[in-house]
Amino acid sequence: MKNELEIKKDYETENGIIGLIRVFEVNSHIRLNWKSTHWENTSTVQIRVIGNQTKTTIAIHQEKLLDAEQRAEMKAYWNKIMKEIGTELLRYR
């Protein structure tokens, strides 16, 4: 991201995603508005990290998507991101 994550602050990623950070709880979750460069609408994304001593779950919920096409686009996007996270985590085994 081009700037730091702060509540009630606009953000822009290097690939052009723009939005507003709505909630940011360290080691818990983030909720933000999300607008892709080729979208007319803005969606809401919430990412939670839920863990205990042996396991961690990363939960991603995206709402206010227009249609099945956007849902498929974002499902592919988040699957790619989760694969990249998994690959990075394997480096630390």
C-alpha atoms as a PDB file:
ATOM      1  CA  MET A   1       0.000   0.000   0.000  1.00  0.00           C
ATOM      2  CA  LYS A   2       1.139   3.506  -0.659  1.00  0.00           C
ATOM      3  CA  ASN A   3       0.251   4.745   2.825  1.00  0.00           C
ATOM      4  CA  GLU A   4      -0.195   3.487   6.373  1.00  0.00           C
ATOM      5  CA  LEU A   5      -3.398   1.864   7.621  1.00  0.00           C
ATOM      6  CA  GLU A   6      -5.331   4.293   9.811  1.00  0.00           C
ATOM      7  CA  ILE A   7      -8.998   4.284  10.787  1.00  0.00           C
ATOM      8  CA  LYS A   8     -11.118   6.768   8.792  1.00  0.00           C
ATOM      9  CA  LYS A   9      -8.285   7.276   6.322  1.00  0.00           C
ATOM     10  CA  ASP A  10      -8.454   6.728   2.573  1.00  0.00           C
ATOM     11  CA  TYR A  11      -5.996   4.279   1.092  1.00  0.00           C
ATOM     12  CA  GLU A  12      -4.743   3.327  -2.352  1.00  0.00           C
ATOM     13  CA  THR A  13      -2.821   0.190  -3.225  1.00  0.00           C
ATOM     14  CA  GLU A  14      -0.064  -0.045  -5.800  1.00  0.00           C
ATOM     15  CA  ASN A  15      -2.479  -1.796  -8.176  1.00  0.00           C
ATOM     16  CA  GLY A  16      -5.115   0.942  -7.897  1.00  0.00           C
ATOM     17  CA  ILE A  17      -7.569  -0.395  -5.318  1.00  0.00           C
ATOM     18  CA  ILE A  18      -9.003   2.547  -3.357  1.00  0.00           C
ATOM     19  CA  GLY A  19     -11.144   2.774  -0.258  1.00  0.00           C
ATOM     20  CA  LEU A  20     -11.509   3.847   3.344  1.00  0.00           C
ATOM     21  CA  ILE A  21     -10.311   1.974   6.431  1.00  0.00           C
ATOM     22  CA  ARG A  22     -13.391   1.642   8.638  1.00  0.00           C
ATOM     23  CA  VAL A  23     -12.145  -0.605  11.474  1.00  0.00           C
ATOM     24  CA  PHE A  24      -8.642  -1.778  12.319  1.00  0.00           C
ATOM     25  CA  GLU A  25      -8.051  -3.945  15.390  1.00  0.00           C
ATOM     26  CA  VAL A  26      -4.433  -5.122  15.688  1.00  0.00           C
ATOM     27  CA  ASN A  27      -4.116  -8.933  15.744  1.00  0.00           C
ATOM     28  CA  SER A  28      -7.851  -9.264  15.124  1.00  0.00           C
ATOM     29  CA  HIS A  29      -9.491  -7.775  12.046  1.00  0.00           C
ATOM     30  CA  ILE A  30      -9.781  -5.018   9.509  1.00  0.00           C
ATOM     31  CA  ARG A  31     -12.898  -3.730   7.742  1.00  0.00           C
ATOM     32  CA  LEU A  32     -12.612  -1.449   4.747  1.00  0.00           C
ATOM     33  CA  ASN A  33     -14.312  -0.131   1.656  1.00  0.00           C
ATOM     34  CA  TRP A  34     -12.877  -1.584  -1.558  1.00  0.00           C
ATOM     35  CA  LYS A  35     -13.170  -0.215  -5.092  1.00  0.00           C
ATOM     36  CA  SER A  36     -11.312  -1.779  -7.974  1.00  0.00           C
ATOM     37  CA  THR A  37     -10.154   0.457 -10.819  1.00  0.00           C
ATOM     38  CA  HIS A  38     -12.591  -1.125 -13.282  1.00  0.00           C
ATOM     39  CA  TRP A  39     -15.626  -1.129 -10.941  1.00  0.00           C
ATOM     40  CA  GLU A  40     -18.375   1.448 -10.657  1.00  0.00           C
ATOM     41  CA  ASN A  41     -19.390   0.176  -7.201  1.00  0.00           C
ATOM     42  CA  THR A  42     -17.638  -0.002  -3.846  1.00  0.00           C
ATOM     43  CA  SER A  43     -17.718  -3.196  -1.775  1.00  0.00           C
ATOM     44  CA  THR A  44     -16.902  -3.868   1.862  1.00  0.00           C
ATOM     45  CA  VAL A  45     -14.151  -6.299   2.894  1.00  0.00           C
ATOM     46  CA  GLN A  46     -13.581  -7.711   6.344  1.00  0.00           C
ATOM     47  CA  ILE A  47     -10.523  -9.829   7.116  1.00  0.00           C
ATOM     48  CA  ARG A  48     -10.217 -11.602  10.473  1.00  0.00           C
ATOM     49  CA  VAL A  49      -7.364 -13.566  11.981  1.00  0.00           C
ATOM     50  CA  ILE A  50      -8.651 -16.174  14.427  1.00  0.00           C
ATOM     51  CA  GLY A  51      -6.148 -18.348  16.205  1.00  0.00           C
ATOM     52  CA  ASN A  52      -5.142 -20.406  19.172  1.00  0.00           C
ATOM     53  CA  GLN A  53      -1.909 -22.094  20.233  1.00  0.00           C
ATOM     54  CA  THR A  54      -1.910 -24.606  17.359  1.00  0.00           C
ATOM     55  CA  LYS A  55      -3.972 -23.209  14.460  1.00  0.00           C
ATOM     56  CA  THR A  56      -4.869 -19.960  12.758  1.00  0.00           C
ATOM     57  CA  THR A  57      -7.787 -19.196  10.465  1.00  0.00           C
ATOM     58  CA  ILE A  58      -7.853 -16.234   8.114  1.00  0.00           C
ATOM     59  CA  ALA A  59     -11.468 -15.366   7.298  1.00  0.00           C
ATOM     60  CA  ILE A  60     -12.263 -13.042   4.393  1.00  0.00           C
ATOM     61  CA  HIS A  61     -15.767 -11.726   3.846  1.00  0.00           C
ATOM     62  CA  GLN A  62     -16.618  -9.377   0.987  1.00  0.00           C
ATOM     63  CA  GLU A  63     -20.086  -7.910   0.609  1.00  0.00           C
ATOM     64  CA  LYS A  64     -21.906  -5.469  -1.666  1.00  0.00           C
ATOM     65  CA  LEU A  65     -20.641  -7.130  -4.830  1.00  0.00           C
ATOM     66  CA  LEU A  66     -22.847  -6.424  -7.841  1.00  0.00           C
ATOM     67  CA  ASP A  67     -23.276  -9.830  -9.400  1.00  0.00           C
ATOM     68  CA  ALA A  68     -21.984 -13.353  -9.948  1.00  0.00           C
ATOM     69  CA  GLU A  69     -19.195 -12.018 -12.168  1.00  0.00           C
ATOM     70  CA  GLN A  70     -17.777  -9.810  -9.409  1.00  0.00           C
ATOM     71  CA  ARG A  71     -18.166 -12.629  -6.874  1.00  0.00           C
ATOM     72  CA  ALA A  72     -16.201 -14.975  -9.158  1.00  0.00           C
ATOM     73  CA  GLU A  73     -13.541 -12.303  -9.746  1.00  0.00           C
ATOM     74  CA  MET A  74     -13.072 -11.729  -6.030  1.00  0.00           C
ATOM     75  CA  LYS A  75     -13.142 -15.439  -5.182  1.00  0.00           C
ATOM     76  CA  ALA A  76     -10.272 -15.988  -7.642  1.00  0.00           C
ATOM     77  CA  TYR A  77      -8.437 -12.941  -6.254  1.00  0.00           C
ATOM     78  CA  TRP A  78      -8.705 -14.030  -2.606  1.00  0.00           C
ATOM     79  CA  ASN A  79      -7.802 -17.645  -3.474  1.00  0.00           C
ATOM     80  CA  LYS A  80      -4.633 -16.327  -5.125  1.00  0.00           C
ATOM     81  CA  ILE A  81      -3.825 -14.208  -2.071  1.00  0.00           C
ATOM     82  CA  MET A  82      -4.361 -17.150   0.299  1.00  0.00           C
ATOM     83  CA  LYS A  83      -2.089 -19.325  -1.855  1.00  0.00           C
ATOM     84  CA  GLU A  84       0.605 -16.639  -1.681  1.00  0.00           C
ATOM     85  CA  ILE A  85       0.227 -16.453   2.119  1.00  0.00           C
ATOM     86  CA  GLY A  86       0.541 -20.250   2.326  1.00  0.00           C
ATOM     87  CA  THR A  87       3.658 -20.205   0.178  1.00  0.00           C
ATOM     88  CA  GLU A  88       5.237 -17.555   2.386  1.00  0.00           C
ATOM     89  CA  LEU A  89       4.387 -19.466   5.566  1.00  0.00           C
ATOM     90  CA  LEU A  90       6.057 -22.594   4.204  1.00  0.00           C
ATOM     91  CA  ARG A  91       9.308 -20.652   4.007  1.00  0.00           C
ATOM     92  CA  TYR A  92       9.315 -20.438   7.825  1.00  0.00           C
ATOM     93  CA  ARG A  93       8.820 -24.135   8.582  1.00  0.00           C
END
